[in-house]
Amino acid sequence: MPEKPRPARRRLPRLAAALSLCGCLLAPPPADAAIAEFIAAVLKFYLLEQPQWMNHTQDQVDATLQGADAVNRKRLEIWQKEVAMAMMPPPAACATLELAQALRSKDSLIPGLVNRQINQGIHAVIGDLNPVQAVVERVRRHETLYCSASDQARGRCASPGALPNGDMDAGLLLDTRGYSPEQEAAAQAFIENLTAPVPVMPLPAHLEKSPQADQLRGYLISYGARKAVARKVLANAHAERKRADGQSAQEVMFQDYERRYGNQGWVDDVLKAPPGSLEREKLMIETWKMQMQMRQFRQQQDMQVLMATLLDVLNEQQAAAEITRLTTAAARAGVEP
């Protein structure tokens, strides 16, 4: 049978009780309870949450610093390696420094050798040597040391020497990179033969103070100065090829030239060399070029002096006859005092 509806009076008390309970739950808490809850939240933040955040931040800072330190350490390691590579000695085929120092050492000896040769030439012109005896000594030296087949055919020697005509060989003087002792003596003999002065017999002692003797000595001084220019150029070529400590300046230059150009081994060594050694080799090549340019400048200066001397000699030869003619005409002029 269907349930009969309950009366409305019974439902009202239950609904009122439910509304009363909801009102109690939704009503604001008392003031003391709110303060206590706020204090609990603040303590929770400062005692629990903030230390956790600070620790996390410090961990991030430490990680960042550690990463930067690792980067700096890596950079320092790379820099140290680069420095170490730059300080490494170059390969054997790239050692230019020793050759440059050797050439500077050879160059420092050349002026002294050249000056000695010049003084010997000047002494042969204005010194106390017997000119006839000097000529005889050059002839005997040729027949003894540098006799050729032609000399042998004329009966001047029994057999040709080790360097036939070596005292007349310009190629021996100029083409040889480094003289052996025999070649050096032959080159020296060639210079003496080429720059030998005209034999001038010494004057008697009582004529040394005469005006004519002064004129003769004045001409010999000019003559000797011109001879010194030619002898200087020849002496410089001789000194370039004179060995000191087993090597000449010419040999050092050719050694540096030949070990580079056309040498595949040098190219391979340069390509295998560390960066520092490669840069050092480039710098040494540049300084070597400067050294060669300075040598070329000195040689050009010698050639300019030589050309000026030749010009002076030609002018004197052309003017000598005319000056003599005009001087004679002036001396014969009939001018009343």
C-alpha atoms as a PDB file:
ATOM      1  CA  MET A   1       0.000   0.000   0.000  1.00  0.00           C
ATOM      2  CA  PRO A   2       1.263   3.476  -0.701  1.00  0.00           C
ATOM      3  CA  GLU A   3       3.007   5.297   2.148  1.00  0.00           C
ATOM      4  CA  LYS A   4       1.058   8.019   3.583  1.00  0.00           C
ATOM      5  CA  PRO A   5       2.663  11.489   3.585  1.00  0.00           C
ATOM      6  CA  ARG A   6       4.022  12.652   6.884  1.00  0.00           C
ATOM      7  CA  PRO A   7       2.758  15.703   8.395  1.00  0.00           C
ATOM      8  CA  ALA A   8       4.595  19.022   7.764  1.00  0.00           C
ATOM      9  CA  ARG A   9       5.062  19.694  11.450  1.00  0.00           C
ATOM     10  CA  ARG A  10       7.607  16.889  11.804  1.00  0.00           C
ATOM     11  CA  ARG A  11       9.881  18.184   8.986  1.00  0.00           C
ATOM     12  CA  LEU A  12      10.378  21.708  10.253  1.00  0.00           C
ATOM     13  CA  PRO A  13      12.449  20.901  13.375  1.00  0.00           C
ATOM     14  CA  ARG A  14      14.961  18.862  11.374  1.00  0.00           C
ATOM     15  CA  LEU A  15      15.409  21.599   8.752  1.00  0.00           C
ATOM     16  CA  ALA A  16      16.003  24.185  11.460  1.00  0.00           C
ATOM     17  CA  ALA A  17      18.689  22.030  13.080  1.00  0.00           C
ATOM     18  CA  ALA A  18      20.548  21.629   9.773  1.00  0.00           C
ATOM     19  CA  LEU A  19      20.486  25.364   9.108  1.00  0.00           C
ATOM     20  CA  SER A  20      21.754  26.057  12.600  1.00  0.00           C
ATOM     21  CA  LEU A  21      24.732  23.691  12.095  1.00  0.00           C
ATOM     22  CA  CYS A  22      25.680  25.313   8.750  1.00  0.00           C
ATOM     23  CA  GLY A  23      25.552  28.699  10.347  1.00  0.00           C
ATOM     24  CA  CYS A  24      27.979  27.617  13.020  1.00  0.00           C
ATOM     25  CA  LEU A  25      30.417  26.284  10.445  1.00  0.00           C
ATOM     26  CA  LEU A  26      30.260  29.366   8.206  1.00  0.00           C
ATOM     27  CA  ALA A  27      30.486  31.882  10.953  1.00  0.00           C
ATOM     28  CA  PRO A  28      33.949  33.631  11.382  1.00  0.00           C
ATOM     29  CA  PRO A  29      36.142  32.190  14.088  1.00  0.00           C
ATOM     30  CA  PRO A  30      36.791  34.157  17.175  1.00  0.00           C
ATOM     31  CA  ALA A  31      39.663  36.770  17.218  1.00  0.00           C
ATOM     32  CA  ASP A  32      41.990  34.650  19.362  1.00  0.00           C
ATOM     33  CA  ALA A  33      41.774  31.754  16.919  1.00  0.00           C
ATOM     34  CA  ALA A  34      42.680  34.004  13.925  1.00  0.00           C
ATOM     35  CA  ILE A  35      45.777  35.380  15.646  1.00  0.00           C
ATOM     36  CA  ALA A  36      46.994  31.930  16.553  1.00  0.00           C
ATOM     37  CA  GLU A  37      46.520  30.742  12.969  1.00  0.00           C
ATOM     38  CA  PHE A  38      48.470  33.753  11.601  1.00  0.00           C
ATOM     39  CA  ILE A  39      51.355  33.168  14.013  1.00  0.00           C
ATOM     40  CA  ALA A  40      51.458  29.493  13.009  1.00  0.00           C
ATOM     41  CA  ALA A  41      51.622  30.455   9.325  1.00  0.00           C
ATOM     42  CA  VAL A  42      54.466  32.944   9.948  1.00  0.00           C
ATOM     43  CA  LEU A  43      56.442  30.457  11.988  1.00  0.00           C
ATOM     44  CA  LYS A  44      55.944  27.825   9.322  1.00  0.00           C
ATOM     45  CA  PHE A  45      57.311  30.232   6.646  1.00  0.00           C
ATOM     46  CA  TYR A  46      60.380  31.377   8.575  1.00  0.00           C
ATOM     47  CA  LEU A  47      61.219  28.071  10.189  1.00  0.00           C
ATOM     48  CA  LEU A  48      60.448  25.639   7.383  1.00  0.00           C
ATOM     49  CA  GLU A  49      59.781  27.167   3.984  1.00  0.00           C
ATOM     50  CA  GLN A  50      62.319  30.038   3.924  1.00  0.00           C
ATOM     51  CA  PRO A  51      65.362  27.835   4.877  1.00  0.00           C
ATOM     52  CA  GLN A  52      64.353  25.401   2.169  1.00  0.00           C
ATOM     53  CA  TRP A  53      64.185  28.232  -0.396  1.00  0.00           C
ATOM     54  CA  MET A  54      67.534  29.637   0.787  1.00  0.00           C
ATOM     55  CA  ASN A  55      69.188  26.246   0.559  1.00  0.00           C
ATOM     56  CA  HIS A  56      67.828  25.806  -2.937  1.00  0.00           C
ATOM     57  CA  THR A  57      69.098  29.273  -3.979  1.00  0.00           C
ATOM     58  CA  GLN A  58      72.517  28.572  -2.466  1.00  0.00           C
ATOM     59  CA  ASP A  59      72.663  25.294  -4.366  1.00  0.00           C
ATOM     60  CA  GLN A  60      71.948  27.157  -7.599  1.00  0.00           C
ATOM     61  CA  VAL A  61      74.657  29.762  -6.821  1.00  0.00           C
ATOM     62  CA  ASP A  62      77.172  27.036  -5.968  1.00  0.00           C
ATOM     63  CA  ALA A  63      76.365  25.181  -9.162  1.00  0.00           C
ATOM     64  CA  THR A  64      76.808  28.380 -11.210  1.00  0.00           C
ATOM     65  CA  LEU A  65      80.144  29.166  -9.529  1.00  0.00           C
ATOM     66  CA  GLN A  66      81.348  25.630 -10.017  1.00  0.00           C
ATOM     67  CA  GLY A  67      80.429  25.802 -13.714  1.00  0.00           C
ATOM     68  CA  ALA A  68      82.253  29.127 -14.143  1.00  0.00           C
ATOM     69  CA  ASP A  69      85.250  27.763 -12.272  1.00  0.00           C
ATOM     70  CA  ALA A  70      85.317  24.733 -14.542  1.00  0.00           C
ATOM     71  CA  VAL A  71      85.207  27.015 -17.605  1.00  0.00           C
ATOM     72  CA  ASN A  72      88.033  29.159 -16.238  1.00  0.00           C
ATOM     73  CA  ARG A  73      90.099  26.113 -15.430  1.00  0.00           C
ATOM     74  CA  LYS A  74      89.567  24.815 -18.953  1.00  0.00           C
ATOM     75  CA  ARG A  75      90.574  28.170 -20.405  1.00  0.00           C
ATOM     76  CA  LEU A  76      93.668  28.244 -18.212  1.00  0.00           C
ATOM     77  CA  GLU A  77      94.564  24.725 -19.292  1.00  0.00           C
ATOM     78  CA  ILE A  78      94.182  25.665 -22.966  1.00  0.00           C
ATOM     79  CA  TRP A  79      96.265  28.819 -22.460  1.00  0.00           C
ATOM     80  CA  GLN A  80      98.992  26.864 -20.680  1.00  0.00           C
ATOM     81  CA  LYS A  81      99.071  24.381 -23.542  1.00  0.00           C
ATOM     82  CA  GLU A  82      99.323  27.200 -26.082  1.00  0.00           C
ATOM     83  CA  VAL A  83     102.162  28.796 -24.141  1.00  0.00           C
ATOM     84  CA  ALA A  84     103.936  25.472 -23.856  1.00  0.00           C
ATOM     85  CA  MET A  85     103.544  24.859 -27.578  1.00  0.00           C
ATOM     86  CA  ALA A  86     104.800  28.358 -28.365  1.00  0.00           C
ATOM     87  CA  MET A  87     107.898  27.759 -26.257  1.00  0.00           C
ATOM     88  CA  MET A  88     108.654  24.423 -27.846  1.00  0.00           C
ATOM     89  CA  PRO A  89     111.802  24.446 -29.993  1.00  0.00           C
ATOM     90  CA  PRO A  90     111.091  24.246 -33.727  1.00  0.00           C
ATOM     91  CA  PRO A  91     111.895  21.152 -35.765  1.00  0.00           C
ATOM     92  CA  ALA A  92     115.445  20.627 -36.921  1.00  0.00           C
ATOM     93  CA  ALA A  93     114.645  21.978 -40.384  1.00  0.00           C
ATOM     94  CA  CYS A  94     113.126  25.166 -38.911  1.00  0.00           C
ATOM     95  CA  ALA A  95     116.113  26.231 -36.805  1.00  0.00           C
ATOM     96  CA  THR A  96     116.793  29.587 -38.422  1.00  0.00           C
ATOM     97  CA  LEU A  97     118.023  31.316 -35.289  1.00  0.00           C
ATOM     98  CA  GLU A  98     121.353  29.493 -35.213  1.00  0.00           C
ATOM     99  CA  LEU A  99     122.036  30.334 -38.865  1.00  0.00           C
ATOM    100  CA  ALA A 100     121.152  34.005 -38.319  1.00  0.00           C
ATOM    101  CA  GLN A 101     123.487  34.179 -35.330  1.00  0.00           C
ATOM    102  CA  ALA A 102     126.221  32.440 -37.324  1.00  0.00           C
ATOM    103  CA  LEU A 103     125.852  34.941 -40.174  1.00  0.00           C
ATOM    104  CA  ARG A 104     126.047  37.873 -37.761  1.00  0.00           C
ATOM    105  CA  SER A 105     129.224  36.388 -36.336  1.00  0.00           C
ATOM    106  CA  LYS A 106     130.739  36.029 -39.826  1.00  0.00           C
ATOM    107  CA  ASP A 107     129.710  39.559 -40.774  1.00  0.00           C
ATOM    108  CA  SER A 108     131.461  40.973 -37.718  1.00  0.00           C
ATOM    109  CA  LEU A 109     134.765  39.556 -39.016  1.00  0.00           C
ATOM    110  CA  ILE A 110     134.494  40.933 -42.565  1.00  0.00           C
ATOM    111  CA  PRO A 111     135.422  44.604 -41.897  1.00  0.00           C
ATOM    112  CA  GLY A 112     138.688  43.611 -40.218  1.00  0.00           C
ATOM    113  CA  LEU A 113     139.645  41.268 -43.058  1.00  0.00           C
ATOM    114  CA  VAL A 114     138.825  43.877 -45.694  1.00  0.00           C
ATOM    115  CA  ASN A 115     140.732  46.620 -43.877  1.00  0.00           C
ATOM    116  CA  ARG A 116     143.800  44.394 -43.653  1.00  0.00           C
ATOM    117  CA  GLN A 117     143.654  43.781 -47.412  1.00  0.00           C
ATOM    118  CA  ILE A 118     143.322  47.510 -48.156  1.00  0.00           C
ATOM    119  CA  ASN A 119     146.309  48.382 -45.986  1.00  0.00           C
ATOM    120  CA  GLN A 120     148.401  45.755 -47.739  1.00  0.00           C
ATOM    121  CA  GLY A 121     147.515  47.311 -51.102  1.00  0.00           C
ATOM    122  CA  ILE A 122     148.327  50.833 -49.909  1.00  0.00           C
ATOM    123  CA  HIS A 123     151.665  49.669 -48.519  1.00  0.00           C
ATOM    124  CA  ALA A 124     152.492  48.165 -51.907  1.00  0.00           C
ATOM    125  CA  VAL A 125     151.992  51.605 -53.497  1.00  0.00           C
ATOM    126  CA  ILE A 126     153.624  54.023 -51.033  1.00  0.00           C
ATOM    127  CA  GLY A 127     155.559  51.673 -48.762  1.00  0.00           C
ATOM    128  CA  ASP A 128     159.203  50.639 -48.751  1.00  0.00           C
ATOM    129  CA  LEU A 129     158.760  47.501 -50.834  1.00  0.00           C
ATOM    130  CA  ASN A 130     161.147  46.885 -53.693  1.00  0.00           C
ATOM    131  CA  PRO A 131     158.833  47.029 -56.746  1.00  0.00           C
ATOM    132  CA  VAL A 132     161.089  44.887 -58.908  1.00  0.00           C
ATOM    133  CA  GLN A 133     161.428  42.263 -56.229  1.00  0.00           C
ATOM    134  CA  ALA A 134     157.624  42.244 -55.738  1.00  0.00           C
ATOM    135  CA  VAL A 135     157.121  41.463 -59.424  1.00  0.00           C
ATOM    136  CA  VAL A 136     159.707  38.674 -59.301  1.00  0.00           C
ATOM    137  CA  GLU A 137     158.009  37.148 -56.259  1.00  0.00           C
ATOM    138  CA  ARG A 138     154.615  37.076 -58.023  1.00  0.00           C
ATOM    139  CA  VAL A 139     156.175  35.340 -61.037  1.00  0.00           C
ATOM    140  CA  ARG A 140     157.933  32.725 -58.905  1.00  0.00           C
ATOM    141  CA  ARG A 141     154.763  32.094 -56.914  1.00  0.00           C
ATOM    142  CA  HIS A 142     152.846  31.427 -60.109  1.00  0.00           C
ATOM    143  CA  GLU A 143     155.490  29.029 -61.419  1.00  0.00           C
ATOM    144  CA  THR A 144     155.705  27.182 -58.105  1.00  0.00           C
ATOM    145  CA  LEU A 145     152.050  26.902 -57.055  1.00  0.00           C
ATOM    146  CA  TYR A 146     149.857  27.719 -60.021  1.00  0.00           C
ATOM    147  CA  CYS A 147     151.826  26.493 -63.007  1.00  0.00           C
ATOM    148  CA  SER A 148     149.635  25.438 -65.932  1.00  0.00           C
ATOM    149  CA  ALA A 149     150.138  23.121 -68.883  1.00  0.00           C
ATOM    150  CA  SER A 150     151.080  26.126 -71.021  1.00  0.00           C
ATOM    151  CA  ASP A 151     153.752  27.111 -68.511  1.00  0.00           C
ATOM    152  CA  GLN A 152     155.025  23.548 -68.448  1.00  0.00           C
ATOM    153  CA  ALA A 153     155.261  23.504 -72.245  1.00  0.00           C
ATOM    154  CA  ARG A 154     157.453  26.615 -72.065  1.00  0.00           C
ATOM    155  CA  GLY A 155     159.701  24.992 -69.488  1.00  0.00           C
ATOM    156  CA  ARG A 156     158.662  27.224 -66.601  1.00  0.00           C
ATOM    157  CA  CYS A 157     157.797  24.310 -64.323  1.00  0.00           C
ATOM    158  CA  ALA A 158     158.230  20.560 -64.213  1.00  0.00           C
ATOM    159  CA  SER A 159     154.519  19.764 -63.740  1.00  0.00           C
ATOM    160  CA  PRO A 160     151.244  21.690 -63.378  1.00  0.00           C
ATOM    161  CA  GLY A 161     150.266  22.807 -59.897  1.00  0.00           C
ATOM    162  CA  ALA A 162     147.232  21.679 -57.879  1.00  0.00           C
ATOM    163  CA  LEU A 163     145.348  24.817 -59.000  1.00  0.00           C
ATOM    164  CA  PRO A 164     146.633  25.677 -62.492  1.00  0.00           C
ATOM    165  CA  ASN A 165     146.354  29.430 -63.081  1.00  0.00           C
ATOM    166  CA  GLY A 166     144.578  29.715 -59.741  1.00  0.00           C
ATOM    167  CA  ASP A 167     146.172  33.117 -59.140  1.00  0.00           C
ATOM    168  CA  MET A 168     144.453  34.397 -62.310  1.00  0.00           C
ATOM    169  CA  ASP A 169     141.090  32.665 -61.872  1.00  0.00           C
ATOM    170  CA  ALA A 170     138.229  35.103 -61.108  1.00  0.00           C
ATOM    171  CA  GLY A 171     135.804  32.188 -60.850  1.00  0.00           C
ATOM    172  CA  LEU A 172     137.773  30.732 -57.958  1.00  0.00           C
ATOM    173  CA  LEU A 173     137.456  34.058 -56.141  1.00  0.00           C
ATOM    174  CA  LEU A 174     133.746  34.594 -56.773  1.00  0.00           C
ATOM    175  CA  ASP A 175     132.104  31.207 -57.382  1.00  0.00           C
ATOM    176  CA  THR A 176     133.494  29.311 -54.402  1.00  0.00           C
ATOM    177  CA  ARG A 177     131.226  29.340 -51.350  1.00  0.00           C
ATOM    178  CA  GLY A 178     133.902  28.526 -48.814  1.00  0.00           C
ATOM    179  CA  TYR A 179     137.639  28.454 -49.443  1.00  0.00           C
ATOM    180  CA  SER A 180     139.868  25.569 -48.595  1.00  0.00           C
ATOM    181  CA  PRO A 181     143.326  26.719 -47.442  1.00  0.00           C
ATOM    182  CA  GLU A 182     144.699  26.243 -50.961  1.00  0.00           C
ATOM    183  CA  GLN A 183     141.790  28.103 -52.556  1.00  0.00           C
ATOM    184  CA  GLU A 184     142.086  30.953 -50.077  1.00  0.00           C
ATOM    185  CA  ALA A 185     145.774  31.411 -50.918  1.00  0.00           C
ATOM    186  CA  ALA A 186     144.989  31.342 -54.647  1.00  0.00           C
ATOM    187  CA  ALA A 187     142.209  33.917 -54.262  1.00  0.00           C
ATOM    188  CA  GLN A 188     144.562  36.134 -52.272  1.00  0.00           C
ATOM    189  CA  ALA A 189     147.184  35.816 -55.028  1.00  0.00           C
ATOM    190  CA  PHE A 190     144.548  36.731 -57.621  1.00  0.00           C
ATOM    191  CA  ILE A 191     143.720  39.960 -55.735  1.00  0.00           C
ATOM    192  CA  GLU A 192     147.384  40.875 -55.456  1.00  0.00           C
ATOM    193  CA  ASN A 193     147.970  40.225 -59.174  1.00  0.00           C
ATOM    194  CA  LEU A 194     144.903  42.222 -60.184  1.00  0.00           C
ATOM    195  CA  THR A 195     145.659  45.252 -57.990  1.00  0.00           C
ATOM    196  CA  ALA A 196     149.454  45.220 -58.298  1.00  0.00           C
ATOM    197  CA  PRO A 197     150.736  48.816 -58.661  1.00  0.00           C
ATOM    198  CA  VAL A 198     153.015  50.066 -61.390  1.00  0.00           C
ATOM    199  CA  PRO A 199     156.622  49.530 -60.258  1.00  0.00           C
ATOM    200  CA  VAL A 200     158.054  52.809 -58.970  1.00  0.00           C
ATOM    201  CA  MET A 201     161.726  52.874 -58.113  1.00  0.00           C
ATOM    202  CA  PRO A 202     162.500  54.539 -54.782  1.00  0.00           C
ATOM    203  CA  LEU A 203     164.238  57.894 -54.907  1.00  0.00           C
ATOM    204  CA  PRO A 204     167.638  58.462 -53.341  1.00  0.00           C
ATOM    205  CA  ALA A 205     167.527  59.894 -49.845  1.00  0.00           C
ATOM    206  CA  HIS A 206     168.886  63.319 -50.891  1.00  0.00           C
ATOM    207  CA  LEU A 207     166.017  63.741 -53.367  1.00  0.00           C
ATOM    208  CA  GLU A 208     163.175  62.895 -50.976  1.00  0.00           C
ATOM    209  CA  LYS A 209     162.740  66.581 -50.040  1.00  0.00           C
ATOM    210  CA  SER A 210     162.732  67.965 -53.548  1.00  0.00           C
ATOM    211  CA  PRO A 211     159.602  69.521 -55.126  1.00  0.00           C
ATOM    212  CA  GLN A 212     159.623  66.798 -57.752  1.00  0.00           C
ATOM    213  CA  ALA A 213     159.535  64.131 -55.036  1.00  0.00           C
ATOM    214  CA  ASP A 214     156.542  65.866 -53.442  1.00  0.00           C
ATOM    215  CA  GLN A 215     154.756  65.804 -56.779  1.00  0.00           C
ATOM    216  CA  LEU A 216     155.517  62.124 -57.158  1.00  0.00           C
ATOM    217  CA  ARG A 217     154.277  61.273 -53.670  1.00  0.00           C
ATOM    218  CA  GLY A 218     151.131  63.337 -54.234  1.00  0.00           C
ATOM    219  CA  TYR A 219     150.356  61.371 -57.371  1.00  0.00           C
ATOM    220  CA  LEU A 220     151.088  58.065 -55.602  1.00  0.00           C
ATOM    221  CA  ILE A 221     148.672  58.993 -52.808  1.00  0.00           C
ATOM    222  CA  SER A 222     145.921  59.616 -55.363  1.00  0.00           C
ATOM    223  CA  TYR A 223     146.948  56.470 -57.229  1.00  0.00           C
ATOM    224  CA  GLY A 224     146.870  54.388 -54.034  1.00  0.00           C
ATOM    225  CA  ALA A 225     143.415  55.731 -53.051  1.00  0.00           C
ATOM    226  CA  ARG A 226     141.965  54.610 -56.372  1.00  0.00           C
ATOM    227  CA  LYS A 227     143.642  51.247 -56.010  1.00  0.00           C
ATOM    228  CA  ALA A 228     142.103  50.913 -52.545  1.00  0.00           C
ATOM    229  CA  VAL A 229     138.574  51.245 -53.961  1.00  0.00           C
ATOM    230  CA  ALA A 230     139.097  48.315 -56.318  1.00  0.00           C
ATOM    231  CA  ARG A 231     140.884  46.303 -53.674  1.00  0.00           C
ATOM    232  CA  LYS A 232     138.055  46.910 -51.196  1.00  0.00           C
ATOM    233  CA  VAL A 233     135.467  45.309 -53.496  1.00  0.00           C
ATOM    234  CA  LEU A 234     137.712  42.312 -54.183  1.00  0.00           C
ATOM    235  CA  ALA A 235     138.671  41.972 -50.528  1.00  0.00           C
ATOM    236  CA  ASN A 236     135.023  41.954 -49.500  1.00  0.00           C
ATOM    237  CA  ALA A 237     134.304  39.088 -51.908  1.00  0.00           C
ATOM    238  CA  HIS A 238     137.325  37.258 -50.491  1.00  0.00           C
ATOM    239  CA  ALA A 239     136.225  37.808 -46.872  1.00  0.00           C
ATOM    240  CA  GLU A 240     132.696  36.561 -47.652  1.00  0.00           C
ATOM    241  CA  ARG A 241     134.172  33.169 -48.558  1.00  0.00           C
ATOM    242  CA  LYS A 242     136.896  32.929 -45.936  1.00  0.00           C
ATOM    243  CA  ARG A 243     135.968  30.255 -43.417  1.00  0.00           C
ATOM    244  CA  ALA A 244     135.889  30.908 -39.690  1.00  0.00           C
ATOM    245  CA  ASP A 245     135.041  28.008 -37.368  1.00  0.00           C
ATOM    246  CA  GLY A 246     134.729  25.788 -40.432  1.00  0.00           C
ATOM    247  CA  GLN A 247     132.141  27.877 -42.278  1.00  0.00           C
ATOM    248  CA  SER A 248     132.057  31.052 -44.371  1.00  0.00           C
ATOM    249  CA  ALA A 249     129.357  33.714 -44.623  1.00  0.00           C
ATOM    250  CA  GLN A 250     128.481  32.553 -48.130  1.00  0.00           C
ATOM    251  CA  GLU A 251     128.054  28.972 -46.937  1.00  0.00           C
ATOM    252  CA  VAL A 252     125.705  30.087 -44.155  1.00  0.00           C
ATOM    253  CA  MET A 253     123.526  32.024 -46.606  1.00  0.00           C
ATOM    254  CA  PHE A 254     123.378  29.165 -49.096  1.00  0.00           C
ATOM    255  CA  GLN A 255     122.618  26.711 -46.305  1.00  0.00           C
ATOM    256  CA  ASP A 256     119.596  28.707 -45.183  1.00  0.00           C
ATOM    257  CA  TYR A 257     118.458  29.148 -48.788  1.00  0.00           C
ATOM    258  CA  GLU A 258     118.850  25.531 -49.856  1.00  0.00           C
ATOM    259  CA  ARG A 259     117.289  23.991 -46.761  1.00  0.00           C
ATOM    260  CA  ARG A 260     114.044  25.840 -47.502  1.00  0.00           C
ATOM    261  CA  TYR A 261     113.363  26.363 -51.171  1.00  0.00           C
ATOM    262  CA  GLY A 262     112.747  23.215 -53.121  1.00  0.00           C
ATOM    263  CA  ASN A 263     113.082  21.104 -49.972  1.00  0.00           C
ATOM    264  CA  GLN A 264     109.942  19.009 -49.401  1.00  0.00           C
ATOM    265  CA  GLY A 265     111.245  17.935 -45.984  1.00  0.00           C
ATOM    266  CA  TRP A 266     111.269  21.534 -44.773  1.00  0.00           C
ATOM    267  CA  VAL A 267     107.675  22.024 -45.951  1.00  0.00           C
ATOM    268  CA  ASP A 268     106.557  18.881 -44.113  1.00  0.00           C
ATOM    269  CA  ASP A 269     108.341  19.944 -40.925  1.00  0.00           C
ATOM    270  CA  VAL A 270     106.722  23.376 -41.024  1.00  0.00           C
ATOM    271  CA  LEU A 271     103.254  21.886 -41.509  1.00  0.00           C
ATOM    272  CA  LYS A 272     103.804  19.521 -38.582  1.00  0.00           C
ATOM    273  CA  ALA A 273     105.236  22.208 -36.316  1.00  0.00           C
ATOM    274  CA  PRO A 274     103.147  23.609 -33.425  1.00  0.00           C
ATOM    275  CA  PRO A 275     101.661  27.092 -33.899  1.00  0.00           C
ATOM    276  CA  GLY A 276     104.309  28.815 -31.816  1.00  0.00           C
ATOM    277  CA  SER A 277     107.152  27.317 -33.806  1.00  0.00           C
ATOM    278  CA  LEU A 278     105.459  28.212 -37.080  1.00  0.00           C
ATOM    279  CA  GLU A 279     105.073  31.845 -36.039  1.00  0.00           C
ATOM    280  CA  ARG A 280     108.682  31.909 -34.887  1.00  0.00           C
ATOM    281  CA  GLU A 281     109.808  30.588 -38.271  1.00  0.00           C
ATOM    282  CA  LYS A 282     107.816  33.318 -40.027  1.00  0.00           C
ATOM    283  CA  LEU A 283     109.443  35.998 -37.878  1.00  0.00           C
ATOM    284  CA  MET A 284     112.905  34.576 -38.501  1.00  0.00           C
ATOM    285  CA  ILE A 285     112.282  34.574 -42.259  1.00  0.00           C
ATOM    286  CA  GLU A 286     111.326  38.252 -42.080  1.00  0.00           C
ATOM    287  CA  THR A 287     114.427  39.149 -40.072  1.00  0.00           C
ATOM    288  CA  TRP A 288     116.529  37.098 -42.498  1.00  0.00           C
ATOM    289  CA  LYS A 289     115.110  39.167 -45.356  1.00  0.00           C
ATOM    290  CA  MET A 290     116.098  42.336 -43.513  1.00  0.00           C
ATOM    291  CA  GLN A 291     119.599  40.997 -43.035  1.00  0.00           C
ATOM    292  CA  MET A 292     119.889  40.218 -46.758  1.00  0.00           C
ATOM    293  CA  GLN A 293     118.594  43.678 -47.638  1.00  0.00           C
ATOM    294  CA  MET A 294     121.270  45.256 -45.466  1.00  0.00           C
ATOM    295  CA  ARG A 295     123.959  43.220 -47.192  1.00  0.00           C
ATOM    296  CA  GLN A 296     122.579  44.289 -50.573  1.00  0.00           C
ATOM    297  CA  PHE A 297     122.669  47.913 -49.439  1.00  0.00           C
ATOM    298  CA  ARG A 298     126.343  47.627 -48.519  1.00  0.00           C
ATOM    299  CA  GLN A 299     127.148  46.004 -51.853  1.00  0.00           C
ATOM    300  CA  GLN A 300     125.259  48.683 -53.766  1.00  0.00           C
ATOM    301  CA  GLN A 301     127.160  51.317 -51.852  1.00  0.00           C
ATOM    302  CA  ASP A 302     130.453  49.687 -52.829  1.00  0.00           C
ATOM    303  CA  MET A 303     129.367  49.611 -56.466  1.00  0.00           C
ATOM    304  CA  GLN A 304     128.407  53.288 -56.375  1.00  0.00           C
ATOM    305  CA  VAL A 305     131.818  54.214 -54.972  1.00  0.00           C
ATOM    306  CA  LEU A 306     133.497  52.060 -57.604  1.00  0.00           C
ATOM    307  CA  MET A 307     131.519  53.706 -60.412  1.00  0.00           C
ATOM    308  CA  ALA A 308     132.353  57.154 -59.054  1.00  0.00           C
ATOM    309  CA  THR A 309     136.050  56.238 -59.009  1.00  0.00           C
ATOM    310  CA  LEU A 310     135.929  54.978 -62.592  1.00  0.00           C
ATOM    311  CA  LEU A 311     134.219  58.189 -63.659  1.00  0.00           C
ATOM    312  CA  ASP A 312     136.933  60.213 -61.960  1.00  0.00           C
ATOM    313  CA  VAL A 313     139.665  58.224 -63.714  1.00  0.00           C
ATOM    314  CA  LEU A 314     138.014  58.704 -67.114  1.00  0.00           C
ATOM    315  CA  ASN A 315     137.659  62.434 -66.509  1.00  0.00           C
ATOM    316  CA  GLU A 316     141.314  62.682 -65.514  1.00  0.00           C
ATOM    317  CA  GLN A 317     142.454  60.803 -68.607  1.00  0.00           C
ATOM    318  CA  GLN A 318     140.415  63.046 -70.847  1.00  0.00           C
ATOM    319  CA  ALA A 319     141.485  66.236 -69.084  1.00  0.00           C
ATOM    320  CA  ALA A 320     145.176  65.467 -68.536  1.00  0.00           C
ATOM    321  CA  ALA A 321     146.317  66.290 -72.077  1.00  0.00           C
ATOM    322  CA  GLU A 322     144.219  69.441 -72.267  1.00  0.00           C
ATOM    323  CA  ILE A 323     145.400  70.671 -68.872  1.00  0.00           C
ATOM    324  CA  THR A 324     149.009  70.097 -69.877  1.00  0.00           C
ATOM    325  CA  ARG A 325     148.514  72.012 -73.127  1.00  0.00           C
ATOM    326  CA  LEU A 326     146.839  74.954 -71.432  1.00  0.00           C
ATOM    327  CA  THR A 327     149.415  75.051 -68.662  1.00  0.00           C
ATOM    328  CA  THR A 328     152.261  75.138 -71.209  1.00  0.00           C
ATOM    329  CA  ALA A 329     150.557  77.888 -73.153  1.00  0.00           C
ATOM    330  CA  ALA A 330     150.022  79.944 -70.033  1.00  0.00           C
ATOM    331  CA  ALA A 331     153.664  79.533 -69.033  1.00  0.00           C
ATOM    332  CA  ARG A 332     154.811  80.815 -72.418  1.00  0.00           C
ATOM    333  CA  ALA A 333     152.548  83.805 -72.482  1.00  0.00           C
ATOM    334  CA  GLY A 334     154.470  87.007 -73.043  1.00  0.00           C
ATOM    335  CA  VAL A 335     152.831  89.165 -70.387  1.00  0.00           C
ATOM    336  CA  GLU A 336     154.832  91.982 -68.892  1.00  0.00           C
ATOM    337  CA  PRO A 337     154.922  91.988 -65.073  1.00  0.00           C
END
